[in-house]
Protein backbone atom coordinates (compact mmCIF):
# COMPACT_ATOMS: atom_id res chain seq x y z
CA MET A 1 79.85 111.46 106.96
CA ASP A 2 80.30 111.16 103.37
CA LEU A 3 78.70 113.53 100.65
CA THR A 4 75.71 111.19 99.93
CA ARG A 5 74.79 110.82 103.35
CA ALA A 6 75.13 114.63 104.01
CA SER A 7 73.05 115.61 100.90
CA LEU A 8 70.31 113.35 102.09
CA LEU A 9 70.17 114.75 105.51
CA ARG A 10 70.08 118.09 104.03
CA GLU A 11 67.11 117.18 101.80
CA MET A 12 65.45 115.75 105.14
CA LEU A 13 66.07 118.98 107.11
CA THR A 14 64.61 121.27 104.53
CA GLY A 15 61.97 123.58 106.12
CA THR A 16 63.50 123.02 109.67
CA GLU A 17 65.27 125.63 111.60
CA LEU A 18 68.45 123.70 111.36
CA GLY A 19 68.18 123.27 107.55
CA THR A 20 67.27 126.90 106.90
CA GLN A 21 69.73 128.67 109.23
CA THR A 22 72.71 126.37 108.14
CA ARG A 23 71.62 127.20 104.66
CA ASP A 24 71.49 130.94 105.24
CA PHE A 25 74.78 130.92 107.13
CA GLY A 26 76.44 128.99 104.30
CA HIS A 27 75.31 131.46 101.88
CA SER A 28 76.34 134.53 103.71
CA LEU A 29 79.78 133.28 103.79
CA ARG A 30 79.87 133.37 100.19
CA ARG A 31 78.00 136.58 100.01
CA TYR A 32 80.42 138.53 102.26
CA THR A 33 83.64 137.11 100.90
CA THR A 34 84.36 139.41 98.22
CA ARG A 35 88.16 139.13 98.32
CA THR A 36 89.75 136.42 96.41
CA GLY A 37 91.12 134.04 99.19
CA GLY A 38 89.57 135.77 101.72
CA LEU A 39 87.78 133.12 103.68
CA MET A 40 89.73 132.08 106.87
CA LEU A 41 88.91 129.56 109.33
CA PHE A 42 90.29 129.82 112.90
CA GLY A 43 89.45 127.94 116.36
CA PRO A 44 90.93 126.94 119.71
CA VAL A 45 94.61 126.29 119.93
CA ASP A 46 93.88 122.47 120.72
CA GLU A 47 90.95 121.94 118.30
CA GLU A 48 91.72 123.71 114.94
CA PRO A 49 88.83 123.37 112.57
CA TRP A 50 90.51 120.92 109.99
CA HIS A 51 87.26 119.04 109.64
CA LEU A 52 85.32 121.99 108.20
CA THR A 53 88.13 123.53 106.26
CA ALA A 54 88.41 120.36 104.40
CA HIS A 55 84.83 119.98 103.62
CA LEU A 56 84.55 123.64 102.55
CA ASP A 57 87.41 123.24 100.16
CA ASP A 58 86.07 119.80 98.71
CA GLU A 59 82.47 121.32 98.30
CA LEU A 60 83.62 124.70 96.72
CA HIS A 61 86.10 122.92 94.33
CA ARG A 62 83.33 120.61 93.31
CA ALA A 63 80.84 123.56 92.50
CA GLY A 64 83.65 125.22 90.65
CA VAL A 65 83.87 128.22 93.28
CA GLU A 66 87.49 128.98 93.37
CA ASN A 67 87.89 132.62 94.61
CA ILE A 68 87.01 131.75 98.19
CA ARG A 69 88.60 128.64 98.80
CA PRO A 70 89.29 128.38 102.53
CA SER A 71 92.48 128.69 104.30
CA LEU A 72 92.94 127.27 107.79
CA VAL A 73 94.70 129.76 110.17
CA ARG A 74 97.00 127.73 112.39
CA TRP A 75 98.37 128.99 116.01
CA ALA A 76 101.96 127.53 115.36
CA PRO A 77 102.33 125.44 112.20
CA PRO A 78 105.31 123.59 112.05
CA PRO A 79 108.51 124.90 109.72
CA ASP A 80 107.96 121.67 107.62
CA ALA A 81 104.19 121.91 107.18
CA PRO A 82 102.96 121.93 103.36
CA PRO A 83 101.97 125.45 102.16
CA HIS A 84 98.14 124.89 102.92
CA LEU A 85 98.92 123.95 106.39
CA ALA A 86 101.59 126.50 107.07
CA ILE A 87 99.52 129.57 107.24
CA GLY A 88 99.97 131.24 110.60
CA LEU A 89 98.64 133.98 112.96
CA ASP A 90 100.19 136.79 110.77
CA ARG A 91 97.39 136.19 108.03
CA LEU A 92 94.98 137.64 110.74
CA ARG A 93 97.07 140.59 110.92
CA ASP A 94 96.59 140.99 107.19
CA ALA A 95 92.88 140.46 107.40
CA GLY A 96 90.60 143.28 106.15
CA ARG A 97 87.42 144.25 104.44
CA GLY A 98 86.01 141.80 101.87
CA GLU A 99 87.46 139.00 103.87
CA SER A 100 85.43 136.57 106.46
CA LEU A 101 86.79 134.88 109.49
CA LEU A 102 84.76 131.75 110.35
CA VAL A 103 85.45 130.65 113.87
CA VAL A 104 84.53 127.13 114.95
CA ALA A 105 84.65 126.39 118.85
CA GLU A 106 82.34 123.76 120.38
CA GLU A 107 83.53 125.00 123.94
CA ASP A 108 83.69 128.32 125.57
CA PRO A 109 86.54 129.94 123.70
CA ALA A 110 89.72 131.15 125.73
CA ASP A 111 90.46 134.75 126.03
CA THR A 112 93.63 134.33 123.84
CA LEU A 113 91.07 133.17 120.87
CA LEU A 114 88.59 136.16 121.55
CA GLU A 115 91.32 138.74 121.59
CA ARG A 116 92.51 137.57 118.03
CA ILE A 117 88.87 137.59 116.85
CA SER A 118 88.25 141.17 118.24
CA ASP A 119 91.59 142.44 116.58
CA VAL A 120 90.36 140.85 113.15
CA ARG A 121 86.82 142.33 113.50
CA ARG A 122 88.37 145.83 114.02
CA ARG A 123 90.02 145.84 110.72
CA GLY A 124 86.89 145.37 108.81
CA THR A 125 86.72 141.50 108.59
CA THR A 126 83.36 139.91 108.85
CA ILE A 127 83.33 137.41 111.72
CA PHE A 128 81.21 134.25 111.52
CA SER A 129 81.00 131.73 114.30
CA ILE A 130 79.66 128.07 114.98
CA GLY A 131 79.60 127.51 118.59
CA ASN A 132 77.81 126.77 121.65
CA GLY A 133 76.10 129.95 122.26
CA ASP A 134 78.99 131.61 124.20
CA LYS A 135 77.98 135.22 124.78
CA GLU A 136 81.47 136.83 124.15
CA LEU A 137 81.86 135.01 120.95
CA SER A 138 78.41 135.72 119.98
CA SER A 139 78.81 139.55 120.61
CA LEU A 140 82.19 139.55 118.27
CA SER A 141 80.40 137.83 115.66
CA HIS A 142 78.35 139.37 112.74
CA GLU A 143 76.50 135.91 112.15
CA VAL A 144 76.23 133.10 114.79
CA LEU A 145 75.32 129.37 114.21
CA THR A 146 74.50 127.46 117.51
CA PRO A 147 73.85 123.95 116.47
CA GLU A 148 72.54 122.66 119.65
CA LEU A 149 69.63 125.13 119.93
CA LEU A 150 68.57 124.07 116.09
CA VAL A 151 68.24 120.29 116.08
CA PRO A 152 64.55 119.12 115.19
CA ASP A 153 62.99 116.54 117.13
CA GLY A 154 63.59 112.84 116.02
CA PHE A 155 67.22 113.14 114.98
CA GLY A 156 68.43 111.56 118.01
CA TRP A 157 70.36 114.34 119.54
CA THR A 158 69.45 116.60 122.21
CA SER A 159 71.37 118.42 125.24
CA ARG A 160 68.04 119.59 126.89
CA PRO A 161 66.94 118.22 130.21
CA ILE A 162 63.84 115.96 129.95
CA SER A 163 61.22 116.45 132.68
CA PHE A 164 58.49 114.43 133.92
CA GLU A 165 55.44 115.45 135.87
CA HIS A 166 54.32 112.25 137.44
CA ASP A 167 55.06 111.54 141.17
CA GLU A 168 56.32 107.97 140.46
CA PRO A 169 57.47 108.14 136.80
CA GLU A 170 58.05 104.77 134.80
CA TYR A 171 60.51 105.75 132.16
CA GLU A 172 63.82 105.00 130.79
CA PRO A 173 66.72 106.49 132.51
CA GLN A 174 68.13 109.93 131.19
CA PRO A 175 71.50 109.34 129.07
CA ALA A 176 74.40 109.68 131.19
CA ALA A 177 76.57 112.84 130.50
CA THR A 178 79.22 111.10 128.41
CA ASP A 179 76.11 110.07 126.09
CA LEU A 180 75.05 113.70 125.84
CA ASP A 181 78.25 115.02 125.15
CA SER A 182 78.81 112.36 122.21
CA GLN A 183 75.37 113.33 120.78
CA VAL A 184 76.23 117.08 121.05
CA ALA A 185 79.43 116.27 118.99
CA GLU A 186 77.58 114.49 116.39
CA GLY A 187 75.12 117.39 116.06
CA PHE A 188 77.85 119.67 115.89
CA GLU A 189 79.66 117.84 113.05
CA MET A 190 76.23 117.58 111.04
CA ALA A 191 75.72 121.21 111.11
CA GLN A 192 79.24 121.68 109.56
CA HIS A 193 78.41 119.47 106.80
CA LEU A 194 75.21 121.18 106.24
CA VAL A 195 77.12 124.70 106.12
CA SER A 196 79.61 123.24 103.68
CA LEU A 197 77.08 122.16 101.27
CA ALA A 198 75.22 125.41 101.55
CA ALA A 199 78.21 127.53 100.92
CA ALA A 200 78.50 125.64 97.61
CA ASP A 201 75.00 126.39 96.31
CA GLU A 202 74.80 127.88 92.98
CA GLU A 203 71.97 130.12 94.40
CA ALA A 204 74.40 131.44 97.06
CA GLY A 205 75.55 133.81 94.39
CA GLN A 206 72.44 135.04 93.39
CA PRO A 207 70.89 138.38 94.22
CA ALA A 208 69.26 138.76 97.61
CA TRP A 209 65.74 139.33 96.58
CA ARG A 210 65.74 135.92 95.05
CA ARG A 211 67.13 134.33 98.04
CA ARG A 212 64.32 136.14 100.00
CA LEU A 213 61.78 134.79 97.41
CA ARG A 214 62.77 131.32 97.89
CA THR A 215 62.77 131.77 101.81
CA ALA A 216 59.24 133.00 101.52
CA ILE A 217 58.10 130.10 99.39
CA GLU A 218 59.41 127.61 101.88
CA ARG A 219 57.66 129.14 104.64
CA LEU A 220 54.31 129.18 102.69
CA GLY A 221 54.72 125.63 101.59
CA GLY A 222 54.45 123.27 104.77
CA GLU A 223 53.27 119.90 104.90
CA PRO A 224 49.51 118.86 104.28
CA GLY A 225 47.63 118.44 107.53
């Protein structure tokens, strides 16, 4: 998804739960990351969040926000990796207050991942997570985004079961599990694009009262009946 499509999608989602929560999540990343270079991204050993790191970096750079450019923390970077891809687990041991760890885990996280997150949290780092609603990851996170629960009707993505009340229903067959998995993955990627755009908003660095005022205006607005 390119920038134009992502921006259009964000505009279409204004006022929805997905649009509002991804915006607030992205703004919180800015608000709670007060130390220069203090935004870290982390994920499962076999699915490190390259995608979101790259998009966050692009959007923040485009917006002229240089103090919290993200770092991808890797489990085992190769010796010949370039500097921006050579940040290993030692970075987590150095984390502390004024920094944020954004965890991206589409599947249930392994115990080793949860242990690392718990260690970082004890050092005072703010934990953000984008996941599938896993209880252990959610309990370790200060802010949680679960895209699967927020997608509005009409966007072609659902993992919720469809029920029919008729004895002899005439309906299209439900999508196969592989189709649902694909739709969930697309929605998970969509949410990451929305968070990247939100983190680069000019208003993300504004005082809290101004953000609350905008939210109140949006809620009072609504579509004409």
